[in-house]
Amino acid sequence: MKVLILSFLVILFDQVSKILVRLSLQYSKPYRLIGNWLRFRYIENDGMAMGLKVESQYFFIFFAFLTTIIIFVYLMRLRNESIQLRIALALILGGAIGNLIDRLLYRKVVDFIEVVISSKTWPIFNVADIAVFIGMGMLIYLVFFNKTLIRKNNELQQ
């Protein structure tokens, strides 16, 4: 399946960027990229998205592994559906696997992209998070606003 190449590229870019960050950035020190609103800051996140904490790392590993399997199976079932839907799922799959690799290897996820808007700092994120965010945005758009996909779903329900 060709869209799995996209998942592989997300995983590769995510892992290479995290290796480079670990090797070249001092922990927690900000490095300006564009003005004061975009910078790199290497941190290790042992929580969930947006810094949410849960007691057990095994929960994250189990949840990420289960999510990965479900998305992969769903992607296989949709191999004849719209390319946009498969791309969205491939991005989510690649991002989920990228962060799962970190959890399996380090029990933490490497985050390093920091955005500051009007003196408000967003939670620090990584390439895998960007892929999941874009994939989820595409998926939400396709499910709620794509008339072709809505029509197909209505036909299936009848």
N, C-alpha and C. Protein backbone atom coordinates (compact mmCIF):
# COMPACT_ATOMS: atom_id res chain seq x y z
N MET A 1 0.83 -1.18 0.00
CA MET A 1 0.00 0.00 0.00
C MET A 1 0.88 1.25 0.00
N LYS A 2 0.69 2.09 -0.97
CA LYS A 2 1.58 3.24 -1.17
C LYS A 2 1.49 4.28 -0.05
N VAL A 3 0.34 4.45 0.58
CA VAL A 3 0.24 5.46 1.63
C VAL A 3 1.07 5.09 2.86
N LEU A 4 1.42 3.82 3.00
CA LEU A 4 2.28 3.42 4.12
C LEU A 4 3.67 4.01 3.98
N ILE A 5 4.05 4.38 2.76
CA ILE A 5 5.32 5.07 2.55
C ILE A 5 5.29 6.40 3.31
N LEU A 6 4.14 7.07 3.28
CA LEU A 6 3.99 8.32 4.02
C LEU A 6 4.17 8.08 5.53
N SER A 7 3.57 7.03 6.04
CA SER A 7 3.75 6.69 7.46
C SER A 7 5.22 6.45 7.77
N PHE A 8 5.89 5.70 6.90
CA PHE A 8 7.31 5.42 7.09
C PHE A 8 8.13 6.71 7.08
N LEU A 9 7.82 7.63 6.16
CA LEU A 9 8.55 8.90 6.09
C LEU A 9 8.33 9.75 7.34
N VAL A 10 7.12 9.75 7.86
CA VAL A 10 6.85 10.47 9.11
C VAL A 10 7.69 9.88 10.24
N ILE A 11 7.70 8.56 10.35
CA ILE A 11 8.48 7.89 11.40
C ILE A 11 9.96 8.21 11.24
N LEU A 12 10.46 8.12 10.03
CA LEU A 12 11.88 8.38 9.76
C LEU A 12 12.24 9.83 10.12
N PHE A 13 11.48 10.79 9.61
CA PHE A 13 11.77 12.20 9.88
C PHE A 13 11.65 12.49 11.38
N ASP A 14 10.64 11.91 12.03
CA ASP A 14 10.45 12.11 13.46
C ASP A 14 11.64 11.57 14.25
N GLN A 15 12.04 10.35 13.97
CA GLN A 15 13.12 9.74 14.74
C GLN A 15 14.47 10.40 14.47
N VAL A 16 14.74 10.75 13.22
CA VAL A 16 16.00 11.44 12.89
C VAL A 16 16.04 12.80 13.58
N SER A 17 14.93 13.54 13.54
CA SER A 17 14.91 14.85 14.19
C SER A 17 15.13 14.72 15.70
N LYS A 18 14.56 13.70 16.31
CA LYS A 18 14.73 13.50 17.76
C LYS A 18 16.17 13.11 18.10
N ILE A 19 16.79 12.31 17.26
CA ILE A 19 18.20 11.95 17.48
C ILE A 19 19.07 13.20 17.39
N LEU A 20 18.84 14.01 16.36
CA LEU A 20 19.61 15.24 16.21
C LEU A 20 19.40 16.19 17.39
N VAL A 21 18.19 16.28 17.87
CA VAL A 21 17.90 17.13 19.03
C VAL A 21 18.64 16.62 20.26
N ARG A 22 18.59 15.32 20.51
CA ARG A 22 19.29 14.73 21.67
C ARG A 22 20.79 14.98 21.60
N LEU A 23 21.34 14.91 20.38
CA LEU A 23 22.79 15.06 20.22
C LEU A 23 23.27 16.51 20.22
N SER A 24 22.41 17.43 19.80
CA SER A 24 22.92 18.79 19.57
C SER A 24 22.35 19.88 20.47
N LEU A 25 21.24 19.64 21.14
CA LEU A 25 20.65 20.70 21.97
C LEU A 25 20.84 20.40 23.45
N GLN A 26 21.08 21.47 24.20
CA GLN A 26 21.17 21.36 25.65
C GLN A 26 19.76 21.25 26.20
N TYR A 27 19.55 20.36 27.16
CA TYR A 27 18.22 20.12 27.70
C TYR A 27 17.60 21.40 28.25
N SER A 28 16.39 21.70 27.80
CA SER A 28 15.55 22.80 28.26
C SER A 28 16.02 24.20 27.87
N LYS A 29 17.14 24.32 27.20
CA LYS A 29 17.62 25.64 26.79
C LYS A 29 16.95 26.02 25.47
N PRO A 30 16.32 27.23 25.41
CA PRO A 30 15.65 27.64 24.16
C PRO A 30 16.66 28.13 23.12
N TYR A 31 16.40 27.77 21.86
CA TYR A 31 17.20 28.22 20.72
C TYR A 31 16.24 28.88 19.74
N ARG A 32 16.39 30.18 19.54
CA ARG A 32 15.49 30.92 18.65
C ARG A 32 15.68 30.49 17.20
N LEU A 33 14.55 30.31 16.52
CA LEU A 33 14.56 30.01 15.09
C LEU A 33 14.04 31.19 14.29
N ILE A 34 12.84 31.63 14.62
CA ILE A 34 12.23 32.78 13.93
C ILE A 34 11.74 33.73 15.01
N GLY A 35 12.47 34.82 15.17
CA GLY A 35 12.10 35.80 16.19
C GLY A 35 12.02 35.16 17.55
N ASN A 36 11.03 35.58 18.31
CA ASN A 36 10.82 34.99 19.63
C ASN A 36 9.60 34.07 19.64
N TRP A 37 8.98 33.86 18.47
CA TRP A 37 7.76 33.06 18.47
C TRP A 37 7.96 31.60 18.05
N LEU A 38 9.09 31.25 17.44
CA LEU A 38 9.36 29.86 17.10
C LEU A 38 10.77 29.52 17.54
N ARG A 39 10.88 28.51 18.37
CA ARG A 39 12.20 28.11 18.86
C ARG A 39 12.24 26.61 19.14
N PHE A 40 13.46 26.10 19.24
CA PHE A 40 13.67 24.72 19.67
C PHE A 40 13.97 24.74 21.16
N ARG A 41 13.37 23.81 21.89
CA ARG A 41 13.67 23.61 23.31
C ARG A 41 13.51 22.11 23.58
N TYR A 42 14.61 21.43 23.80
CA TYR A 42 14.61 19.98 24.00
C TYR A 42 14.10 19.65 25.41
N ILE A 43 13.00 18.90 25.44
CA ILE A 43 12.49 18.36 26.70
C ILE A 43 12.11 16.90 26.48
N GLU A 44 11.93 16.19 27.57
CA GLU A 44 11.43 14.82 27.51
C GLU A 44 10.11 14.78 28.26
N ASN A 45 9.07 14.33 27.57
CA ASN A 45 7.72 14.34 28.09
C ASN A 45 7.33 12.92 28.51
N ASP A 46 7.12 12.71 29.80
CA ASP A 46 6.68 11.39 30.25
C ASP A 46 5.16 11.33 30.41
N GLY A 47 4.48 12.42 30.00
CA GLY A 47 3.03 12.46 30.07
C GLY A 47 2.41 12.27 28.70
N MET A 48 1.16 12.65 28.61
CA MET A 48 0.42 12.57 27.35
C MET A 48 0.56 13.87 26.61
N ALA A 49 -0.25 14.03 25.59
CA ALA A 49 -0.30 15.28 24.83
C ALA A 49 -0.63 16.43 25.77
N MET A 50 -0.06 17.59 25.49
CA MET A 50 -0.29 18.81 26.27
C MET A 50 0.16 18.66 27.72
N GLY A 51 1.07 17.72 27.99
CA GLY A 51 1.65 17.58 29.32
C GLY A 51 0.76 16.90 30.34
N LEU A 52 -0.35 16.28 29.92
CA LEU A 52 -1.21 15.58 30.86
C LEU A 52 -0.46 14.38 31.44
N LYS A 53 -0.62 14.16 32.72
CA LYS A 53 0.10 13.09 33.42
C LYS A 53 -0.83 11.92 33.73
N VAL A 54 -0.28 10.72 33.63
CA VAL A 54 -0.95 9.50 34.05
C VAL A 54 0.09 8.68 34.80
N GLU A 55 -0.34 7.92 35.77
CA GLU A 55 0.57 7.21 36.65
C GLU A 55 1.51 6.23 35.95
N SER A 56 1.00 5.44 35.02
CA SER A 56 1.78 4.33 34.46
C SER A 56 2.19 4.55 33.01
N GLN A 57 3.47 4.35 32.71
CA GLN A 57 3.94 4.39 31.33
C GLN A 57 3.37 3.22 30.53
N TYR A 58 3.04 2.14 31.21
CA TYR A 58 2.48 0.98 30.52
C TYR A 58 1.13 1.34 29.88
N PHE A 59 0.38 2.26 30.48
CA PHE A 59 -0.87 2.72 29.90
C PHE A 59 -0.61 3.35 28.54
N PHE A 60 0.39 4.24 28.47
CA PHE A 60 0.72 4.91 27.21
C PHE A 60 1.15 3.92 26.16
N ILE A 61 2.00 3.01 26.55
CA ILE A 61 2.51 2.02 25.60
C ILE A 61 1.37 1.15 25.09
N PHE A 62 0.53 0.68 25.98
CA PHE A 62 -0.60 -0.16 25.58
C PHE A 62 -1.55 0.63 24.67
N PHE A 63 -1.89 1.85 25.08
CA PHE A 63 -2.83 2.67 24.30
C PHE A 63 -2.26 2.99 22.92
N ALA A 64 -0.99 3.35 22.85
CA ALA A 64 -0.36 3.68 21.56
C ALA A 64 -0.28 2.44 20.67
N PHE A 65 0.05 1.31 21.26
CA PHE A 65 0.13 0.06 20.49
C PHE A 65 -1.24 -0.33 19.96
N LEU A 66 -2.26 -0.25 20.80
CA LEU A 66 -3.62 -0.59 20.39
C LEU A 66 -4.12 0.37 19.30
N THR A 67 -3.86 1.66 19.48
CA THR A 67 -4.25 2.65 18.49
C THR A 67 -3.57 2.38 17.15
N THR A 68 -2.30 2.04 17.20
CA THR A 68 -1.55 1.75 15.99
C THR A 68 -2.15 0.56 15.24
N ILE A 69 -2.48 -0.48 15.96
CA ILE A 69 -3.08 -1.66 15.33
C ILE A 69 -4.43 -1.32 14.70
N ILE A 70 -5.26 -0.60 15.44
CA ILE A 70 -6.59 -0.24 14.93
C ILE A 70 -6.48 0.61 13.67
N ILE A 71 -5.60 1.61 13.69
CA ILE A 71 -5.44 2.47 12.51
C ILE A 71 -4.92 1.68 11.33
N PHE A 72 -3.96 0.80 11.57
CA PHE A 72 -3.41 -0.02 10.48
C PHE A 72 -4.48 -0.92 9.87
N VAL A 73 -5.27 -1.58 10.70
CA VAL A 73 -6.34 -2.45 10.20
C VAL A 73 -7.36 -1.63 9.42
N TYR A 74 -7.73 -0.49 9.95
CA TYR A 74 -8.69 0.38 9.28
C TYR A 74 -8.14 0.86 7.94
N LEU A 75 -6.87 1.19 7.92
CA LEU A 75 -6.22 1.63 6.69
C LEU A 75 -6.24 0.52 5.63
N MET A 76 -6.01 -0.71 6.05
CA MET A 76 -6.06 -1.84 5.13
C MET A 76 -7.47 -2.05 4.57
N ARG A 77 -8.46 -1.89 5.43
CA ARG A 77 -9.85 -2.06 4.98
C ARG A 77 -10.28 -0.96 4.01
N LEU A 78 -9.65 0.20 4.10
CA LEU A 78 -10.03 1.34 3.26
C LEU A 78 -9.11 1.50 2.05
N ARG A 79 -8.39 0.47 1.68
CA ARG A 79 -7.40 0.61 0.60
C ARG A 79 -8.00 1.01 -0.74
N ASN A 80 -9.31 0.87 -0.91
CA ASN A 80 -9.97 1.29 -2.15
C ASN A 80 -10.77 2.57 -1.99
N GLU A 81 -10.66 3.21 -0.83
CA GLU A 81 -11.40 4.44 -0.57
C GLU A 81 -10.57 5.65 -1.02
N SER A 82 -11.06 6.84 -0.70
CA SER A 82 -10.43 8.08 -1.16
C SER A 82 -8.99 8.19 -0.65
N ILE A 83 -8.15 8.75 -1.49
CA ILE A 83 -6.74 8.93 -1.14
C ILE A 83 -6.60 9.90 0.03
N GLN A 84 -7.48 10.91 0.14
CA GLN A 84 -7.40 11.86 1.24
C GLN A 84 -7.61 11.18 2.59
N LEU A 85 -8.57 10.28 2.64
CA LEU A 85 -8.85 9.54 3.88
C LEU A 85 -7.66 8.66 4.25
N ARG A 86 -7.08 7.99 3.27
CA ARG A 86 -5.92 7.13 3.54
C ARG A 86 -4.69 7.93 3.94
N ILE A 87 -4.52 9.11 3.34
CA ILE A 87 -3.39 9.98 3.73
C ILE A 87 -3.56 10.44 5.18
N ALA A 88 -4.77 10.83 5.55
CA ALA A 88 -5.03 11.26 6.93
C ALA A 88 -4.68 10.15 7.91
N LEU A 89 -5.13 8.93 7.61
CA LEU A 89 -4.84 7.80 8.50
C LEU A 89 -3.35 7.45 8.50
N ALA A 90 -2.69 7.57 7.36
CA ALA A 90 -1.26 7.28 7.28
C ALA A 90 -0.45 8.28 8.11
N LEU A 91 -0.86 9.55 8.11
CA LEU A 91 -0.18 10.56 8.94
C LEU A 91 -0.36 10.24 10.43
N ILE A 92 -1.59 9.90 10.81
CA ILE A 92 -1.86 9.56 12.21
C ILE A 92 -1.07 8.32 12.61
N LEU A 93 -1.04 7.32 11.74
CA LEU A 93 -0.30 6.09 12.01
C LEU A 93 1.19 6.37 12.19
N GLY A 94 1.77 7.14 11.28
CA GLY A 94 3.20 7.46 11.38
C GLY A 94 3.53 8.21 12.66
N GLY A 95 2.69 9.18 13.02
CA GLY A 95 2.90 9.93 14.26
C GLY A 95 2.76 9.06 15.49
N ALA A 96 1.76 8.20 15.50
CA ALA A 96 1.55 7.31 16.64
C ALA A 96 2.75 6.37 16.82
N ILE A 97 3.25 5.83 15.72
CA ILE A 97 4.40 4.92 15.81
C ILE A 97 5.65 5.68 16.22
N GLY A 98 5.84 6.90 15.70
CA GLY A 98 7.00 7.70 16.08
C GLY A 98 7.08 7.93 17.58
N ASN A 99 5.97 8.30 18.19
CA ASN A 99 5.95 8.52 19.64
C ASN A 99 5.99 7.20 20.41
N LEU A 100 5.41 6.14 19.85
CA LEU A 100 5.48 4.82 20.48
C LEU A 100 6.92 4.34 20.57
N ILE A 101 7.70 4.56 19.54
CA ILE A 101 9.11 4.17 19.55
C ILE A 101 9.83 4.84 20.73
N ASP A 102 9.59 6.14 20.93
CA ASP A 102 10.19 6.85 22.07
C ASP A 102 9.78 6.21 23.39
N ARG A 103 8.50 5.93 23.54
CA ARG A 103 8.03 5.34 24.80
C ARG A 103 8.65 3.97 25.05
N LEU A 104 8.80 3.18 23.99
CA LEU A 104 9.41 1.86 24.15
C LEU A 104 10.90 1.96 24.48
N LEU A 105 11.61 2.89 23.83
CA LEU A 105 13.06 3.01 24.03
C LEU A 105 13.43 3.79 25.28
N TYR A 106 12.71 4.88 25.56
CA TYR A 106 13.14 5.81 26.61
C TYR A 106 12.12 6.01 27.73
N ARG A 107 10.90 5.48 27.55
CA ARG A 107 9.79 5.70 28.49
C ARG A 107 9.35 7.16 28.53
N LYS A 108 9.85 7.96 27.59
CA LYS A 108 9.50 9.37 27.47
C LYS A 108 9.51 9.72 25.99
N VAL A 109 8.82 10.81 25.65
CA VAL A 109 8.81 11.29 24.27
C VAL A 109 9.65 12.55 24.19
N VAL A 110 10.52 12.62 23.19
CA VAL A 110 11.32 13.81 22.97
C VAL A 110 10.46 14.85 22.25
N ASP A 111 10.34 16.02 22.86
CA ASP A 111 9.63 17.16 22.26
C ASP A 111 10.63 18.30 22.12
N PHE A 112 10.45 19.13 21.08
CA PHE A 112 11.45 20.18 20.89
C PHE A 112 10.97 21.42 20.13
N ILE A 113 9.76 21.44 19.62
CA ILE A 113 9.28 22.60 18.87
C ILE A 113 8.40 23.42 19.81
N GLU A 114 8.79 24.68 19.98
CA GLU A 114 8.08 25.55 20.90
C GLU A 114 7.56 26.77 20.14
N VAL A 115 6.28 27.08 20.34
CA VAL A 115 5.65 28.23 19.69
C VAL A 115 5.15 29.17 20.79
N VAL A 116 5.48 30.45 20.62
CA VAL A 116 5.05 31.48 21.56
C VAL A 116 4.26 32.53 20.77
N ILE A 117 3.01 32.75 21.16
CA ILE A 117 2.17 33.76 20.51
C ILE A 117 1.63 34.68 21.60
N SER A 118 1.90 35.96 21.45
CA SER A 118 1.45 36.97 22.42
C SER A 118 1.84 36.59 23.85
N SER A 119 3.07 36.21 24.04
CA SER A 119 3.64 35.80 25.33
C SER A 119 3.00 34.55 25.93
N LYS A 120 2.19 33.85 25.15
CA LYS A 120 1.60 32.57 25.58
C LYS A 120 2.38 31.44 24.92
N THR A 121 2.93 30.53 25.71
CA THR A 121 3.71 29.42 25.18
C THR A 121 2.81 28.19 25.05
N TRP A 122 2.78 27.62 23.86
CA TRP A 122 2.04 26.38 23.63
C TRP A 122 2.86 25.23 24.20
N PRO A 123 2.21 24.11 24.49
CA PRO A 123 2.99 22.94 24.90
C PRO A 123 3.99 22.56 23.80
N ILE A 124 5.17 22.16 24.20
CA ILE A 124 6.24 21.81 23.25
C ILE A 124 5.86 20.49 22.58
N PHE A 125 6.15 20.38 21.27
CA PHE A 125 5.74 19.20 20.51
C PHE A 125 6.86 18.75 19.57
N ASN A 126 6.56 17.73 18.75
CA ASN A 126 7.57 17.16 17.85
C ASN A 126 6.95 16.86 16.48
N VAL A 127 7.72 16.27 15.60
CA VAL A 127 7.28 15.96 14.24
C VAL A 127 6.11 14.97 14.25
N ALA A 128 6.17 13.96 15.11
CA ALA A 128 5.08 12.98 15.19
C ALA A 128 3.78 13.66 15.58
N ASP A 129 3.86 14.58 16.53
CA ASP A 129 2.66 15.31 16.96
C ASP A 129 2.07 16.14 15.81
N ILE A 130 2.94 16.75 15.01
CA ILE A 130 2.47 17.53 13.86
C ILE A 130 1.73 16.62 12.88
N ALA A 131 2.28 15.43 12.61
CA ALA A 131 1.65 14.49 11.69
C ALA A 131 0.28 14.06 12.20
N VAL A 132 0.19 13.76 13.50
CA VAL A 132 -1.09 13.36 14.09
C VAL A 132 -2.09 14.53 14.01
N PHE A 133 -1.64 15.73 14.31
CA PHE A 133 -2.50 16.91 14.27
C PHE A 133 -3.05 17.15 12.85
N ILE A 134 -2.17 17.10 11.87
CA ILE A 134 -2.61 17.30 10.48
C ILE A 134 -3.54 16.18 10.05
N GLY A 135 -3.18 14.94 10.36
CA GLY A 135 -4.01 13.79 10.01
C GLY A 135 -5.39 13.87 10.64
N MET A 136 -5.45 14.27 11.93
CA MET A 136 -6.75 14.40 12.60
C MET A 136 -7.56 15.54 12.00
N GLY A 137 -6.90 16.64 11.67
CA GLY A 137 -7.60 17.75 11.02
C GLY A 137 -8.20 17.32 9.70
N MET A 138 -7.42 16.60 8.91
CA MET A 138 -7.93 16.09 7.63
C MET A 138 -9.10 15.14 7.85
N LEU A 139 -8.96 14.26 8.82
CA LEU A 139 -10.00 13.27 9.10
C LEU A 139 -11.29 13.95 9.54
N ILE A 140 -11.19 14.93 10.42
CA ILE A 140 -12.38 15.66 10.87
C ILE A 140 -13.04 16.37 9.69
N TYR A 141 -12.23 17.03 8.87
CA TYR A 141 -12.79 17.70 7.69
C TYR A 141 -13.50 16.69 6.78
N LEU A 142 -12.84 15.58 6.50
CA LEU A 142 -13.42 14.60 5.58
C LEU A 142 -14.71 14.00 6.12
N VAL A 143 -14.75 13.72 7.40
CA VAL A 143 -15.93 13.09 7.99
C VAL A 143 -17.10 14.07 8.05
N PHE A 144 -16.82 15.33 8.38
CA PHE A 144 -17.92 16.27 8.59
C PHE A 144 -18.24 17.15 7.38
N PHE A 145 -17.28 17.38 6.49
CA PHE A 145 -17.51 18.37 5.44
C PHE A 145 -17.33 17.85 4.02
N ASN A 146 -16.79 16.68 3.83
CA ASN A 146 -16.58 16.16 2.48
C ASN A 146 -17.87 15.52 1.99
N LYS A 147 -18.52 16.14 1.04
CA LYS A 147 -19.83 15.68 0.58
C LYS A 147 -19.78 14.28 -0.05
N THR A 148 -18.71 13.95 -0.75
CA THR A 148 -18.59 12.62 -1.34
C THR A 148 -18.53 11.56 -0.26
N LEU A 149 -17.72 11.79 0.77
CA LEU A 149 -17.60 10.83 1.87
C LEU A 149 -18.90 10.73 2.65
N ILE A 150 -19.57 11.85 2.88
CA ILE A 150 -20.85 11.85 3.59
C ILE A 150 -21.88 11.06 2.79
N ARG A 151 -21.91 11.27 1.45
CA ARG A 151 -22.85 10.55 0.60
C ARG A 151 -22.59 9.05 0.66
N LYS A 152 -21.31 8.64 0.61
CA LYS A 152 -20.98 7.21 0.69
C LYS A 152 -21.44 6.62 2.02
N ASN A 153 -21.21 7.34 3.12
CA ASN A 153 -21.63 6.85 4.43
C ASN A 153 -23.15 6.72 4.50
N ASN A 154 -23.88 7.68 3.95
CA ASN A 154 -25.34 7.60 3.94
C ASN A 154 -25.82 6.42 3.11
N GLU A 155 -25.17 6.14 2.00
CA GLU A 155 -25.54 5.00 1.15
C GLU A 155 -25.30 3.69 1.89
N LEU A 156 -24.20 3.62 2.66
CA LEU A 156 -23.89 2.40 3.41
C LEU A 156 -24.92 2.15 4.51
N GLN A 157 -25.45 3.22 5.11
CA GLN A 157 -26.40 3.07 6.19
C GLN A 157 -27.78 2.66 5.70
N GLN A 158 -28.09 2.90 4.43
CA GLN A 158 -29.42 2.58 3.91
C GLN A 158 -29.53 1.15 3.46
